[in-house]
Protein backbone atom coordinates (compact mmCIF):
# COMPACT_ATOMS: atom_id res chain seq x y z
CA MET A 1 0.00 0.00 0.00
CA ALA A 2 1.24 3.49 -0.82
CA LEU A 3 -0.04 6.85 0.39
CA LEU A 4 0.71 9.78 -1.87
CA GLY A 5 0.97 13.49 -1.14
CA GLY A 6 1.00 14.28 -4.84
CA GLY A 7 1.39 12.68 -8.21
CA PHE A 8 -0.02 13.37 -11.66
CA SER A 9 -2.95 15.41 -10.32
CA MET A 10 -0.72 17.81 -8.36
CA ASP A 11 2.80 17.71 -9.80
CA ASP A 12 4.39 18.00 -13.23
CA ASP A 13 7.68 16.17 -12.64
CA GLY A 14 6.22 12.65 -12.38
CA LEU A 15 8.62 11.66 -9.60
CA LEU A 16 6.03 10.21 -7.23
CA ASP A 17 4.26 8.30 -9.99
CA ASP A 18 7.55 6.83 -11.21
CA TRP A 19 8.41 5.83 -7.63
CA LEU A 20 5.00 4.21 -7.28
CA LEU A 21 5.37 2.15 -10.45
CA SER A 22 8.80 0.97 -9.32
CA HIS A 23 7.03 -0.95 -6.53
CA ALA A 24 4.51 -2.71 -8.78
CA ARG A 25 4.84 -6.48 -8.99
CA ALA A 26 5.06 -6.56 -12.80
CA ALA A 27 7.55 -5.04 -15.22
CA ARG A 28 4.63 -3.66 -17.22
CA PRO A 29 1.91 -3.34 -14.58
CA LYS A 30 -1.81 -2.97 -15.10
CA VAL A 31 -2.77 0.30 -13.42
CA CYS A 32 -6.42 1.11 -12.75
CA PHE A 33 -7.46 4.64 -11.80
CA VAL A 34 -10.55 4.89 -9.59
CA PRO A 35 -11.96 8.46 -9.71
CA THR A 36 -15.03 7.86 -7.52
CA ALA A 37 -14.20 10.59 -4.99
CA SER A 38 -14.40 13.24 -7.71
CA GLY A 39 -17.66 11.87 -9.12
CA ASP A 40 -15.69 10.35 -12.03
CA ALA A 41 -14.73 13.86 -13.19
CA PRO A 42 -13.85 13.69 -16.91
CA ALA A 43 -10.96 16.15 -16.64
CA TYR A 44 -9.42 14.10 -13.84
CA VAL A 45 -9.72 10.93 -15.90
CA GLU A 46 -8.09 12.58 -18.91
CA ARG A 47 -5.24 13.85 -16.79
CA PHE A 48 -4.61 10.30 -15.57
CA ARG A 49 -4.68 8.95 -19.10
CA GLY A 50 -2.25 11.64 -20.21
CA ALA A 51 0.15 10.89 -17.37
CA PHE A 52 0.08 7.10 -17.46
CA GLY A 53 -0.65 6.46 -21.12
CA SER A 54 2.96 7.28 -21.96
CA ARG A 55 4.45 5.22 -19.12
CA ARG A 56 5.46 1.58 -19.23
CA CYS A 57 2.13 0.27 -17.96
CA ASP A 58 -1.36 -0.66 -19.13
CA ALA A 59 -3.62 2.11 -17.87
CA SER A 60 -7.37 1.79 -17.36
CA VAL A 61 -10.18 3.57 -15.50
CA LEU A 62 -13.01 2.20 -13.35
CA PRO A 63 -16.09 4.46 -13.53
CA LEU A 64 -18.90 3.78 -11.06
CA PHE A 65 -21.31 6.65 -11.70
CA ARG A 66 -21.86 5.22 -15.18
CA ARG A 67 -21.01 1.65 -14.33
CA GLU A 68 -20.36 -0.63 -17.29
CA LEU A 69 -19.42 -3.97 -15.65
CA ASP A 70 -21.67 -6.53 -13.95
CA ASP A 71 -20.58 -8.03 -10.64
CA ASP A 72 -18.58 -10.90 -12.12
CA ALA A 73 -16.83 -8.69 -14.66
CA LEU A 74 -16.09 -6.08 -12.01
CA ARG A 75 -14.43 -8.67 -9.78
CA THR A 76 -12.41 -10.11 -12.66
CA PHE A 77 -11.30 -6.64 -13.72
CA LEU A 78 -10.20 -5.41 -10.30
CA LEU A 79 -8.43 -8.63 -9.33
CA SER A 80 -6.43 -8.53 -12.57
CA GLN A 81 -4.85 -5.16 -11.69
CA ASP A 82 -1.31 -4.79 -10.39
CA VAL A 83 -1.95 -1.26 -9.10
CA VAL A 84 -5.20 0.41 -8.04
CA TYR A 85 -4.71 4.19 -7.92
CA VAL A 86 -7.50 6.09 -6.15
CA GLY A 87 -7.98 9.78 -6.86
CA GLY A 88 -8.85 12.66 -4.57
CA GLY A 89 -12.19 14.24 -3.76
CA ASN A 90 -14.81 13.44 -1.14
CA THR A 91 -13.69 10.53 1.07
CA ALA A 92 -17.07 9.89 2.72
CA ASN A 93 -19.01 9.88 -0.54
CA MET A 94 -16.46 7.60 -2.18
CA LEU A 95 -16.64 5.02 0.60
CA ALA A 96 -20.44 5.02 0.46
CA VAL A 97 -20.45 4.43 -3.31
CA TRP A 98 -17.85 1.69 -3.02
CA ARG A 99 -19.91 -0.15 -0.44
CA VAL A 100 -23.05 -0.01 -2.55
CA HIS A 101 -21.20 -1.55 -5.50
CA GLY A 102 -19.13 -4.01 -3.44
CA VAL A 103 -15.85 -2.37 -4.44
CA ASP A 104 -14.71 -2.27 -0.81
CA ARG A 105 -14.85 -6.07 -0.60
CA LEU A 106 -13.07 -6.47 -3.93
CA LEU A 107 -10.26 -4.14 -2.88
CA ARG A 108 -9.72 -6.20 0.26
CA GLU A 109 -9.52 -9.31 -1.88
CA ALA A 110 -7.13 -7.62 -4.31
CA ALA A 111 -4.88 -6.54 -1.44
CA GLY A 112 -4.73 -10.12 -0.23
CA ARG A 113 -3.56 -11.18 -3.67
CA GLY A 114 -0.73 -8.66 -3.83
CA THR A 115 -2.26 -5.72 -5.70
CA LEU A 116 -0.59 -2.42 -4.78
CA LEU A 117 -3.30 -0.12 -3.41
CA CYS A 118 -2.52 3.58 -3.44
CA GLY A 119 -3.94 7.05 -3.80
CA VAL A 120 -3.79 10.75 -3.09
CA SER A 121 -5.89 12.82 -0.66
CA ALA A 122 -9.19 10.88 -0.38
CA GLY A 123 -7.34 8.08 -2.11
CA ALA A 124 -4.88 8.00 0.79
CA ASN A 125 -7.51 8.46 3.51
CA CYS A 126 -9.68 5.54 2.49
CA TRP A 127 -7.30 2.69 3.38
CA ALA A 128 -6.96 3.49 7.08
CA GLU A 129 -9.32 2.92 10.00
CA GLY A 130 -10.00 6.65 10.17
CA SER A 131 -8.96 9.87 8.50
CA HIS A 132 -8.92 13.64 8.66
CA THR A 133 -11.21 15.06 6.00
CA ASP A 134 -13.21 17.98 4.65
CA SER A 135 -15.87 15.62 3.25
CA PHE A 136 -18.53 17.34 5.37
CA GLY A 137 -17.37 20.91 4.74
CA PRO A 138 -15.30 21.97 7.78
CA LEU A 139 -12.26 19.88 8.66
CA THR A 140 -13.22 16.97 10.87
CA PHE A 141 -12.61 13.28 11.51
CA LEU A 142 -14.04 10.23 9.74
CA ARG A 143 -13.94 6.90 11.60
CA ASP A 144 -15.28 4.84 8.73
CA GLY A 145 -12.35 3.81 6.55
CA LEU A 146 -11.62 0.41 5.07
CA GLY A 147 -9.23 -0.45 7.91
CA LEU A 148 -6.62 -2.05 5.67
CA LEU A 149 -4.03 0.25 7.26
CA PRO A 150 -4.05 0.42 11.08
CA GLY A 151 -4.57 3.89 12.54
CA SER A 152 -5.46 7.10 10.78
CA VAL A 153 -4.27 9.30 7.91
CA CYS A 154 -4.14 13.05 7.38
CA PRO A 155 -3.28 14.40 3.90
CA HIS A 156 -2.23 17.96 2.99
CA TYR A 157 -0.68 18.36 6.43
CA ASP A 158 1.42 21.37 5.45
CA SER A 159 -0.60 22.97 2.68
CA GLU A 160 -4.17 23.47 3.92
CA PRO A 161 -4.85 25.94 6.75
CA GLY A 162 -6.05 24.23 9.90
CA ARG A 163 -5.04 20.71 8.92
CA ARG A 164 -2.20 20.31 11.43
CA PRO A 165 -3.98 21.55 14.59
CA SER A 166 -7.29 19.95 13.68
CA TYR A 167 -5.74 16.51 13.10
CA GLN A 168 -3.70 16.76 16.27
CA ASP A 169 -6.84 17.69 18.24
CA ALA A 170 -8.66 14.65 16.83
CA VAL A 171 -5.82 12.32 17.84
CA ALA A 172 -5.38 13.96 21.26
CA GLY A 173 -9.11 13.72 21.95
CA GLY A 174 -9.34 10.08 20.91
CA MET A 175 -11.63 10.77 17.96
CA LEU A 176 -8.96 9.29 15.70
CA PRO A 177 -6.28 6.72 16.51
CA ALA A 178 -2.61 7.55 16.12
CA GLY A 179 -1.60 7.79 12.51
CA TRP A 180 0.30 9.25 9.62
CA ALA A 181 0.33 12.85 8.42
CA LEU A 182 1.66 13.60 4.93
CA ASP A 183 2.97 16.88 3.66
CA ASP A 184 2.30 17.49 -0.03
CA GLY A 185 5.08 15.91 -2.07
CA VAL A 186 5.57 12.86 0.16
CA GLY A 187 5.03 9.20 -0.66
CA VAL A 188 5.05 6.38 1.90
CA LEU A 189 5.02 2.63 1.33
CA PHE A 190 3.53 0.10 3.75
CA THR A 191 3.80 -3.68 3.74
CA ASP A 192 1.32 -5.60 5.90
CA GLY A 193 0.48 -2.34 7.64
CA ARG A 194 4.08 -1.54 8.52
CA HIS A 195 5.93 1.54 7.32
CA GLN A 196 8.67 0.50 4.88
CA GLU A 197 9.87 3.60 3.04
CA ALA A 198 9.16 7.31 2.77
CA VAL A 199 10.17 9.54 -0.12
CA THR A 200 9.65 13.15 -1.10
CA ARG A 201 9.86 15.24 -4.24
CA ALA A 202 10.21 18.44 -2.16
CA PRO A 203 13.19 18.87 0.19
CA ALA A 204 11.14 20.42 2.98
CA ALA A 205 8.21 17.98 2.85
CA ARG A 206 7.96 15.36 5.58
CA LEU A 207 6.02 12.35 6.81
CA TYR A 208 4.93 12.53 10.45
CA ARG A 209 3.83 10.00 12.99
CA VAL A 210 1.18 11.64 15.19
CA GLU A 211 0.30 10.02 18.52
CA ARG A 212 -1.46 10.83 21.78
CA GLY A 213 0.95 11.20 24.66
CA GLU A 214 0.51 10.30 28.31
CA ASP A 215 -0.26 13.95 29.00
CA GLY A 216 -3.29 13.79 26.70
CA ARG A 217 -1.68 15.95 24.04
CA ALA A 218 -0.76 14.99 20.50
CA SER A 219 2.88 14.73 19.53
CA GLU A 220 4.32 14.58 16.03
CA ARG A 221 7.55 12.91 14.99
CA ALA A 222 9.09 13.59 11.59
CA LEU A 223 10.39 10.49 9.80
CA PRO A 224 13.28 10.41 7.33
CA CYS A 225 12.33 10.78 3.66
CA ARG A 226 14.54 9.99 0.70
CA LEU A 227 14.63 12.86 -1.80
CA LEU A 228 13.49 11.71 -5.22
CA GLY A 229 15.47 12.83 -8.22
CA SER A 230 18.64 13.43 -6.24
CA ALA A 231 21.98 12.00 -7.27
């Protein structure tokens, strides 16, 4: 599993997407983009196709608002993917749509078979037990994730006003379990729920572990990140 603080939808250098593909299980991986959180926004889909169509992979898109596959075909399609890349948008709405269509169960099955699950923003939030989100307007907590990654996730930790203190308050107050906060530009890889590697395309960007201390306050600990594109 990989959480992304950027990629084709936010950056032009392609460093995070190249890093992601380097961890796929196939030399020419099948990569499926799932744009549910944006309502299958056409411009988002085209940006994915533009970014991954020229890479060494077989790129595809799974629309759910105009669903084309029956249940058997949907299962066959998702389980054949080497990488499932989930886009940003509304985390809560995305999870609700997935559950109606059974995509949540299929993603669990795909993970068990070795598919690399990843995403940015809502696409990073969804894998954890809980997340920090603006799905309901103001920044708040969502304790309704897929639970494939223990703990919680907070994206855009450095770039959106209020993210840092609001996430820390949620962890300190017990509304969210301890978790991972990503600055924009960071990518982090997990294996069996354990942190394996963190990278960044921006020298100042960091990955943080945020936990509740014995004093009832949240503490953050910056973890080392390898700078992508450096010699």
